């Protein structure tokens, strides 16, 4: 039996990263699209299961808060974080509906739904994607190797070509950070140093700004 070492883990990551680099233009375009949509008042909905849920929440936190530099807050929701809704929906409608039901409640045309799945086979994400497209939302997916069921129902998908779920998840985190970087660049190009169009505001809020 082959022993997997830390070096083996790094080798797998480096090999997958070689192919992943070719998807950089896609992530750059997603960032620009997201900046335009959210800047016009749309929102990002994101979802995943397990570790992918944590990464979806990581992304929404960066958009509501900040990635590196101070800028206005943007609307982004991680659907799994409302435990009362997810458990009630699972109880009443089944686990397969936990994200689709929330998409139906919160999603609007021109919003973006980003779904993360290391396998690309999560039924609850696939159903959410179908619901989102029915509403006129744009659906993006971060998945494992193609072809997979989630990629087929998304408008666009970045499919990481790696056999091990851990490697896929690690590169999904890279994609999240790349998306945040391209988003911030696009926000700067769109509205200039003050960020979103509208009254100028100092960022962050200082002690003098508080009541």
Protein backbone atom coordinates (compact mmCIF):
# COMPACT_ATOMS: atom_id res chain seq x y z
CA UNK A 1 0.00 0.00 0.00
CA UNK A 2 1.32 3.41 -0.96
CA UNK A 3 2.01 5.65 2.02
CA UNK A 4 0.66 9.19 1.60
CA UNK A 5 3.05 11.74 3.09
CA UNK A 6 2.92 15.50 3.47
CA UNK A 7 5.09 15.73 0.37
CA UNK A 8 2.61 13.61 -1.59
CA UNK A 9 -0.14 16.00 -0.55
CA UNK A 10 1.87 18.97 -1.81
CA UNK A 11 2.68 17.17 -5.05
CA UNK A 12 -1.01 16.58 -5.71
CA UNK A 13 -1.76 20.21 -5.04
CA UNK A 14 1.01 21.46 -7.32
CA UNK A 15 -0.08 19.16 -10.14
CA UNK A 16 -3.69 20.32 -9.91
CA UNK A 17 -2.58 23.94 -9.68
CA UNK A 18 -0.91 23.71 -13.10
CA UNK A 19 -4.25 23.10 -14.79
CA UNK A 20 -6.11 25.44 -12.46
CA UNK A 21 -4.03 28.44 -13.56
CA UNK A 22 -5.74 28.29 -16.96
CA UNK A 23 -9.04 29.21 -15.26
CA UNK A 24 -7.72 32.54 -13.95
CA UNK A 25 -9.44 34.55 -16.75
CA UNK A 26 -12.80 33.00 -15.81
CA UNK A 27 -12.42 34.03 -12.17
CA UNK A 28 -11.33 37.52 -13.26
CA UNK A 29 -14.48 37.84 -15.36
CA UNK A 30 -16.65 36.59 -12.49
CA UNK A 31 -15.18 39.27 -10.25
CA UNK A 32 -16.01 41.99 -12.76
CA UNK A 33 -19.54 40.73 -13.25
CA UNK A 34 -20.09 40.44 -9.51
CA UNK A 35 -18.85 43.99 -8.91
CA UNK A 36 -21.23 45.33 -11.54
CA UNK A 37 -24.23 43.38 -10.26
CA UNK A 38 -23.69 44.07 -6.56
CA UNK A 39 -22.82 47.68 -7.28
CA UNK A 40 -26.23 48.06 -8.90
CA UNK A 41 -28.02 46.61 -5.89
CA UNK A 42 -28.11 42.87 -6.61
CA UNK A 43 -26.78 40.34 -4.13
CA UNK A 44 -24.69 37.18 -4.03
CA UNK A 45 -26.15 34.01 -2.54
CA UNK A 46 -23.68 31.23 -1.80
CA UNK A 47 -24.01 27.66 -0.57
CA UNK A 48 -22.12 24.44 -0.05
CA UNK A 49 -22.04 21.39 2.23
CA UNK A 50 -19.48 20.68 4.93
CA UNK A 51 -16.12 22.26 4.17
CA UNK A 52 -17.61 23.84 1.06
CA UNK A 53 -20.17 25.57 3.29
CA UNK A 54 -17.30 27.09 5.26
CA UNK A 55 -15.73 28.37 2.05
CA UNK A 56 -19.03 29.84 0.85
CA UNK A 57 -19.28 31.66 4.17
CA UNK A 58 -15.67 32.79 3.82
CA UNK A 59 -16.52 34.45 0.50
CA UNK A 60 -19.63 36.24 1.73
CA UNK A 61 -17.74 37.51 4.78
CA UNK A 62 -15.09 39.05 2.53
CA UNK A 63 -17.74 40.88 0.49
CA UNK A 64 -19.81 42.14 3.42
CA UNK A 65 -16.65 43.04 5.33
CA UNK A 66 -13.53 43.53 3.28
CA UNK A 67 -10.85 41.48 1.58
CA UNK A 68 -7.80 43.74 1.90
CA UNK A 69 -8.55 47.42 1.53
CA UNK A 70 -11.47 49.34 3.00
CA UNK A 71 -14.44 49.78 0.69
CA UNK A 72 -18.25 49.86 0.98
CA UNK A 73 -20.09 46.74 2.10
CA UNK A 74 -21.86 44.61 -0.50
CA UNK A 75 -24.80 42.25 -0.10
CA UNK A 76 -23.79 38.58 0.14
CA UNK A 77 -25.52 35.75 2.04
CA UNK A 78 -24.33 32.23 2.85
CA UNK A 79 -27.53 30.19 2.82
CA UNK A 80 -26.45 27.50 5.27
CA UNK A 81 -25.89 29.97 8.13
CA UNK A 82 -29.61 30.29 8.99
CA UNK A 83 -29.87 27.11 11.02
CA UNK A 84 -33.54 27.60 11.88
CA UNK A 85 -34.49 27.87 8.21
CA UNK A 86 -32.28 25.00 7.06
CA UNK A 87 -33.52 22.61 9.75
CA UNK A 88 -37.16 23.60 9.27
CA UNK A 89 -36.91 23.16 5.51
CA UNK A 90 -35.13 19.82 5.90
CA UNK A 91 -37.84 18.66 8.30
CA UNK A 92 -40.79 19.83 6.20
CA UNK A 93 -39.53 19.42 2.64
CA UNK A 94 -36.44 17.19 2.80
CA UNK A 95 -32.71 17.91 2.81
CA UNK A 96 -32.67 18.23 -0.95
CA UNK A 97 -34.70 21.46 -0.68
CA UNK A 98 -32.73 23.32 2.01
CA UNK A 99 -31.03 25.70 -0.43
CA UNK A 100 -33.64 25.83 -3.19
CA UNK A 101 -36.31 27.02 -0.79
CA UNK A 102 -34.07 29.86 0.40
CA UNK A 103 -33.17 30.76 -3.17
CA UNK A 104 -36.89 31.01 -3.92
CA UNK A 105 -37.32 33.32 -0.92
CA UNK A 106 -34.29 35.58 -1.33
CA UNK A 107 -33.25 35.34 -4.97
CA UNK A 108 -34.13 37.90 -7.62
CA UNK A 109 -33.34 38.27 -11.30
CA UNK A 110 -29.77 39.57 -11.77
CA UNK A 111 -28.65 38.13 -8.41
CA UNK A 112 -25.80 35.61 -8.52
CA UNK A 113 -25.81 32.16 -6.92
CA UNK A 114 -22.40 30.60 -6.30
CA UNK A 115 -22.39 26.90 -5.40
CA UNK A 116 -19.37 24.97 -4.12
CA UNK A 117 -19.08 21.18 -4.25
CA UNK A 118 -15.92 19.07 -4.32
CA UNK A 119 -17.82 16.26 -6.05
CA UNK A 120 -20.27 18.28 -8.12
CA UNK A 121 -22.87 15.68 -7.21
CA UNK A 122 -24.68 17.33 -4.28
CA UNK A 123 -28.40 17.03 -4.99
CA UNK A 124 -29.37 19.99 -2.79
CA UNK A 125 -27.04 22.28 -4.73
CA UNK A 126 -28.26 21.04 -8.09
CA UNK A 127 -31.89 21.69 -7.14
CA UNK A 128 -30.92 25.17 -5.92
CA UNK A 129 -29.22 25.89 -9.25
CA UNK A 130 -32.33 24.89 -11.19
CA UNK A 131 -34.51 27.11 -8.98
CA UNK A 132 -32.13 30.05 -9.38
CA UNK A 133 -32.09 29.83 -13.15
CA UNK A 134 -35.88 29.65 -13.14
CA UNK A 135 -35.84 33.00 -11.30
CA UNK A 136 -33.46 34.57 -13.80
CA UNK A 137 -30.42 34.45 -11.53
CA UNK A 138 -26.91 33.72 -12.77
CA UNK A 139 -25.48 30.47 -11.42
CA UNK A 140 -21.77 29.76 -11.03
CA UNK A 141 -20.30 26.56 -9.67
CA UNK A 142 -16.96 25.58 -8.17
CA UNK A 143 -16.71 21.81 -8.44
CA UNK A 144 -14.39 18.86 -8.71
CA UNK A 145 -13.56 17.14 -12.00
CA UNK A 146 -15.90 17.50 -14.98
CA UNK A 147 -18.29 16.24 -16.09
CA UNK A 148 -20.53 16.39 -13.04
CA UNK A 149 -24.25 17.05 -12.40
CA UNK A 150 -23.83 20.50 -10.85
CA UNK A 151 -21.69 21.85 -13.68
CA UNK A 152 -24.33 20.82 -16.23
CA UNK A 153 -27.03 23.01 -14.63
CA UNK A 154 -24.83 26.05 -13.87
CA UNK A 155 -24.38 28.92 -16.30
CA UNK A 156 -20.63 28.56 -15.85
CA UNK A 157 -18.44 26.24 -13.80
CA UNK A 158 -14.84 26.10 -12.71
CA UNK A 159 -14.11 22.37 -12.41
CA UNK A 160 -10.90 21.49 -10.56
CA UNK A 161 -9.20 18.47 -12.12
CA UNK A 162 -8.03 16.62 -9.01
CA UNK A 163 -8.85 13.14 -7.77
CA UNK A 164 -8.73 13.96 -4.05
CA UNK A 165 -11.46 16.08 -2.43
CA UNK A 166 -8.96 17.84 -0.17
CA UNK A 167 -7.04 19.11 -3.19
CA UNK A 168 -10.22 20.31 -4.86
CA UNK A 169 -11.21 22.17 -1.70
CA UNK A 170 -7.80 23.80 -1.38
CA UNK A 171 -8.04 25.15 -4.91
CA UNK A 172 -11.59 26.32 -4.29
CA UNK A 173 -10.14 28.52 -1.54
CA UNK A 174 -7.61 29.88 -4.03
CA UNK A 175 -10.51 30.63 -6.38
CA UNK A 176 -12.39 32.43 -3.60
CA UNK A 177 -9.41 34.67 -2.91
CA UNK A 178 -8.85 35.32 -6.62
CA UNK A 179 -12.52 36.24 -6.96
CA UNK A 180 -12.22 38.70 -4.06
CA UNK A 181 -9.16 40.30 -5.64
CA UNK A 182 -10.79 40.69 -9.04
CA UNK A 183 -13.99 41.97 -7.40
CA UNK A 184 -12.09 44.69 -5.54
CA UNK A 185 -10.18 45.71 -8.66
CA UNK A 186 -13.43 45.98 -10.59
CA UNK A 187 -15.08 48.02 -7.83
CA UNK A 188 -12.15 50.44 -7.97
CA UNK A 189 -12.37 50.75 -11.76
CA UNK A 190 -16.15 51.18 -11.67
CA UNK A 191 -16.55 53.85 -9.04
CA UNK A 192 -13.13 55.25 -8.24
CA UNK A 193 -11.51 55.60 -4.82
CA UNK A 194 -14.77 56.41 -3.02
CA UNK A 195 -16.20 52.99 -3.90
CA UNK A 196 -19.89 52.64 -4.69
CA UNK A 197 -21.60 55.59 -6.35
CA UNK A 198 -23.33 57.89 -3.91
CA UNK A 199 -22.40 60.07 -0.94
CA UNK A 200 -18.78 59.77 0.08
CA UNK A 201 -18.16 58.05 3.38
CA UNK A 202 -15.00 57.46 5.33
CA UNK A 203 -13.96 53.82 5.71
CA UNK A 204 -13.59 52.49 8.30
CA UNK A 205 -15.93 54.27 10.69
CA UNK A 206 -13.93 56.23 13.24
CA UNK A 207 -14.75 56.97 16.84
CA UNK A 208 -16.02 60.41 15.80
CA UNK A 209 -18.55 58.83 13.44
CA UNK A 210 -20.23 56.82 16.18
CA UNK A 211 -23.23 58.15 18.13
